[in-house]
């Protein structure tokens, strides 16, 4: 039997959300994630299996944000069916429509438009 986790999963996931939304999935290094989450490499891999596993857990977590959803859409969804399925479930569960998604994408890109435009 393994040792009990010495970290709070919700705290780790919230920190991972911050790293992934700030850096993006591809640019976020495992070392940056470890520094932000304050867990050891072995703990990350034991708990989440991989960087991708951590990302999926963060995406599914209450700490998930619209910006993390956009990172998933732009970086992972084109090549990852599991991520596409997760995104579809999130969009349906949170009733996020195309307009809201488009507005969030424009905001993230720094191209936010006013409602009168």
Protein backbone atom coordinates (compact mmCIF):
# COMPACT_ATOMS: atom_id res chain seq x y z
CA UNK A 1 0.00 0.00 0.00
CA UNK A 2 1.30 3.46 -0.94
CA UNK A 3 1.69 6.39 1.37
CA UNK A 4 -1.22 8.78 1.70
CA UNK A 5 -0.93 11.95 -0.36
CA UNK A 6 0.95 14.70 1.39
CA UNK A 7 -0.81 17.40 -0.63
CA UNK A 8 -4.28 18.77 -1.11
CA UNK A 9 -5.50 17.77 -4.58
CA UNK A 10 -7.75 20.81 -4.97
CA UNK A 11 -4.84 23.15 -4.17
CA UNK A 12 -2.61 21.37 -6.69
CA UNK A 13 -5.30 21.51 -9.38
CA UNK A 14 -5.90 25.23 -8.78
CA UNK A 15 -2.18 25.92 -9.13
CA UNK A 16 -2.03 23.78 -12.28
CA UNK A 17 -4.96 25.73 -13.76
CA UNK A 18 -3.00 28.94 -13.17
CA UNK A 19 0.13 27.59 -14.88
CA UNK A 20 -1.75 26.13 -17.86
CA UNK A 21 -3.83 29.27 -18.41
CA UNK A 22 -0.81 31.55 -18.10
CA UNK A 23 1.65 29.52 -20.16
CA UNK A 24 -0.58 27.29 -22.28
CA UNK A 25 -0.36 23.51 -22.27
CA UNK A 26 2.62 23.11 -24.58
CA UNK A 27 4.71 25.88 -23.06
CA UNK A 28 4.07 24.84 -19.45
CA UNK A 29 7.02 22.75 -18.37
CA UNK A 30 6.75 20.05 -15.75
CA UNK A 31 9.35 21.96 -13.71
CA UNK A 32 7.12 25.08 -13.75
CA UNK A 33 4.14 22.97 -12.73
CA UNK A 34 6.12 21.39 -9.89
CA UNK A 35 7.26 24.81 -8.65
CA UNK A 36 3.72 26.20 -8.73
CA UNK A 37 2.08 23.17 -7.13
CA UNK A 38 4.89 22.58 -4.62
CA UNK A 39 4.75 18.83 -5.09
CA UNK A 40 7.48 16.44 -6.12
CA UNK A 41 7.79 14.93 -9.57
CA UNK A 42 7.03 11.43 -8.24
CA UNK A 43 3.88 12.73 -6.53
CA UNK A 44 2.68 14.35 -9.74
CA UNK A 45 3.17 11.18 -11.75
CA UNK A 46 1.75 8.91 -9.03
CA UNK A 47 -1.37 11.05 -8.64
CA UNK A 48 -2.01 12.10 -12.24
CA UNK A 49 0.08 9.81 -14.43
CA UNK A 50 1.44 12.55 -16.67
CA UNK A 51 1.30 16.23 -17.52
CA UNK A 52 -1.70 15.42 -19.73
CA UNK A 53 -3.35 13.57 -16.85
CA UNK A 54 -2.87 16.60 -14.62
CA UNK A 55 -4.32 18.84 -17.34
CA UNK A 56 -7.40 16.62 -17.68
CA UNK A 57 -7.87 16.56 -13.91
CA UNK A 58 -7.58 20.36 -13.84
CA UNK A 59 -10.07 20.66 -16.70
CA UNK A 60 -12.56 18.48 -14.79
CA UNK A 61 -12.01 20.24 -11.47
CA UNK A 62 -14.06 23.03 -9.88
CA UNK A 63 -10.95 25.23 -10.33
CA UNK A 64 -11.32 25.01 -14.11
CA UNK A 65 -11.85 28.29 -15.93
CA UNK A 66 -13.01 29.47 -19.34
CA UNK A 67 -9.37 30.27 -20.14
CA UNK A 68 -8.37 26.68 -19.39
CA UNK A 69 -11.20 25.51 -21.63
CA UNK A 70 -9.79 27.70 -24.40
CA UNK A 71 -6.30 26.24 -23.90
CA UNK A 72 -7.86 22.78 -24.23
CA UNK A 73 -9.76 23.77 -27.36
CA UNK A 74 -6.83 25.41 -29.10
CA UNK A 75 -3.94 23.19 -28.10
CA UNK A 76 -5.24 19.70 -27.36
CA UNK A 77 -8.69 19.18 -28.87
CA UNK A 78 -7.60 19.02 -32.53
CA UNK A 79 -5.60 15.83 -31.84
CA UNK A 80 -7.11 14.41 -28.65
CA UNK A 81 -10.54 12.78 -28.67
CA UNK A 82 -10.66 12.52 -24.88
CA UNK A 83 -10.14 16.26 -24.55
CA UNK A 84 -12.81 16.92 -27.20
CA UNK A 85 -15.25 14.75 -25.24
CA UNK A 86 -14.44 16.59 -21.99
CA UNK A 87 -14.93 19.95 -23.70
CA UNK A 88 -18.26 18.86 -25.16
CA UNK A 89 -19.45 17.74 -21.74
CA UNK A 90 -18.32 21.01 -20.14
CA UNK A 91 -20.01 23.13 -22.78
CA UNK A 92 -23.27 21.25 -22.31
CA UNK A 93 -23.14 21.13 -18.50
CA UNK A 94 -22.31 24.82 -18.16
CA UNK A 95 -24.60 25.82 -21.06
CA UNK A 96 -21.80 27.72 -22.78
CA UNK A 97 -22.98 28.77 -26.23
CA UNK A 98 -20.92 29.66 -29.30
CA UNK A 99 -21.30 33.39 -28.68
CA UNK A 100 -19.95 33.15 -25.12
CA UNK A 101 -17.11 30.96 -26.31
CA UNK A 102 -16.25 33.37 -29.10
CA UNK A 103 -16.35 36.34 -26.71
CA UNK A 104 -14.01 34.52 -24.32
CA UNK A 105 -11.63 33.72 -27.15
CA UNK A 106 -11.55 37.36 -28.27
CA UNK A 107 -10.99 38.49 -24.67
CA UNK A 108 -8.13 36.04 -24.22
CA UNK A 109 -6.55 37.28 -27.45
CA UNK A 110 -6.85 40.90 -26.29
CA UNK A 111 -9.47 41.67 -28.93
CA UNK A 112 -12.46 42.14 -26.67
CA UNK A 113 -15.33 43.92 -28.38
CA UNK A 114 -17.98 46.11 -26.85
CA UNK A 115 -21.60 44.96 -26.96
CA UNK A 116 -22.42 47.73 -29.45
CA UNK A 117 -19.92 46.56 -32.05
